Each structure stands twice: as structure tokens, then as C-alpha cells.
Amino acid sequence: MANMAFLFPGQGSQYVGMGVDLYNADAGVRGLFQLSEEITGLPLTTLCFSGPMEELTQTVNLQPAITLVNLCLYQALKEAGVTPNAVCGHSLGEYSALYAAGVLSAEDTIAAVRERGRLMHREAQKHPGAMAAVIGLTPEKLAGLVGKVVQEGPIALANFNTPEQVVISGSPEMVARAGNLAKAEGGRVIPLKVSGAWHSPLMTGANEDFAAFLAKLDFKVPKLPIYLNATARPEEDPERLRQAMSRQLTSPVRWADLIFNLKAAGVDTWVEVGPKNVLTGLVKKILPQEPAENFYNVENLESLEAFVAGRRGGS
């Protein structure tokens, strides 16, 4: 019997046209789109299906858009009788996981990511930032390099994506400085196309406002294990979940440890529920020595139907 985790992607997985085939085929999906447009006041149907990409990728639009598509795919899987043993999400994707675990309603999930996107955009306008992926250095090595310059300006280790890929985030000057130090030690540095320094001290100004917003939402006890970015471990207490989400804007994403912990809990089947397959690629790099792992992507009607048919066929 497979032990299955659902993984929900966040910013960076978007594309124009995401969700359109599901929308045309499923009345429930159309209902979620309508609900989300009413909550956000955004033309999410147009943004997801037609773009343009420049508008879709603006964080105020993108956060509700990707979350909505994730939720639609999860809802379709649930209706098909597919239930995971655990859930998680990468950064923004953690909100989709909260919905899947029954912690937040669809309405509150969409409202939360709408406000999250608004506040992150606000802080990015006030404090322009940059992010870069550093490949080939251990997290400990990179932490030592960042420690050499951290007193000179805002810089942080933002995403621990794999044992050899860590994202740094901060002011453009500090990311460049830390990147140069990493290159000198043999690391490869890839600037990321982002509009702000996510998961860095430059987002601190949003924490209090976002905490106040989350205080109004109804966080319930999870119906299944949800593993958190901030701790890499499952959490059951609604108040601790609320606090973790309010701190998430400036907390690092401990993705590699989270995957190791899911694996230790017996997970052997990884289903990325949302656009593209970014998280699948990361998990394969985290667990390269595991030939028995099963990987699936459910991002559109075709992949959804193939996955459900495979499950019924006993695969």
C-alpha cells in the first residue's frame, strides 16, 4: 500500500493557460474560480487562462492564481476518491496544504494569499530585494559565508531546497556580495526572477499586519498530517499553525529536511498537485538514491485522469 504525500507548488510554477481544461470540464472548479474572484476582486479566470504573463507574475495576482489552481486540482482528486497520507507545500504552496488538511476553508485560504501577496508586494516596493540559488555548497558552508557579511546589510538563507541548493535572499547588493563569496568557494550562483526578497528580513514590515489578518481566520485541527516549512515537522495545534504562517514571510523554507522527515515517516509516493513539476525535481535531488520512489504530477485534466486511472488499476 503506497504511503502518499501531496506536494503543493508556489510562486515560480505558473504558466498562462493553467487550469483551463479543468475549468471547462468541472462545474465545481468553475464554482471555485467564481468564489475566488468574488473574494479577491481580481480577474483570476482571465489571468490564469489568457495572461498576459507579466500581469500573472505580479505577486498580488500570482499568489491567489496559483493557489486557486492548486485547490481546484486537489478538489478534483478528492472527488475522485484520492486521499493523501500527508500534505505539504513550498512557501506559498503551504496555504494549499492548509486547505487540503482541513485547517482553512477555501474562502479563508484565498483571502489569506490575497492579503499575503498584497503585503509582500508592499514591502518589496519599499525595500527592493533580490534572490539567488546557490548550487554546489552545503548549507553549513553557505551559512558561514553569509555570516561574514550579514552585519553589513539584509541577507538571509531563504530556501533550503536540496542538500546542495540553497536560495539566498536580501538586498541586491548583499545578494551580489554573498554570491561572489559563494563563487569564490566553487559554488554556482543563479539569480532568480523575483520581484522581492522573500523569506528575508526585508519582509519584516509585513509580519505584524499579516498576523493581525490571520487572527481573524478560523484555523482548525488538521484532518491529516501537514508538514511545515518553518520546522520541517508536522503540526496539529491550530494556534501554532497560525503563528507559523504569520512568521512564514521571514522564516526560511526547510524543504530538504521536510522531505527527509516525510520519507522517514514512510512516504514513498510523491504527488505534485499544481502547475509544473518544480517540486518533483527537488525531491528527486533530495532522494536520488531511492529507486523505489513513485513520482506523479497532477497539473491538468489529462494528468489528473491518468493518475486516477492508474490508482484504480492498482499501480
Foldseek 3Di string as FASTA:
>chain_A
DAQEEEEEEFQPQADAQFPPQLCVVDPVLVVLQVLLCVLQVDNLVCCRHPNPPVRCNQLLNVLLNQLSLLLSLLVVCVVLVDQHQEYEYFQSRRLSRLCSQVFAPSSVSSNLSNLVSVLQNVLCVVAPKWKKKKFDDAPVVLVVLLVVCCVVFKKDFAEPLARGITMMMGHPVSNVSSCVVSVVVPIDIGTDPHSHRFLIPSSVVCLVVSLVVLVPGGGAFGNHFYQYQQPLGTDGDRVVVSVSSSNSRNGHGHNLSNLVVVVVVPHQEYEHRTGDCPSVVSSCNRPVVDPSHHYAYDGYDVSSVVVSVVVVVVD
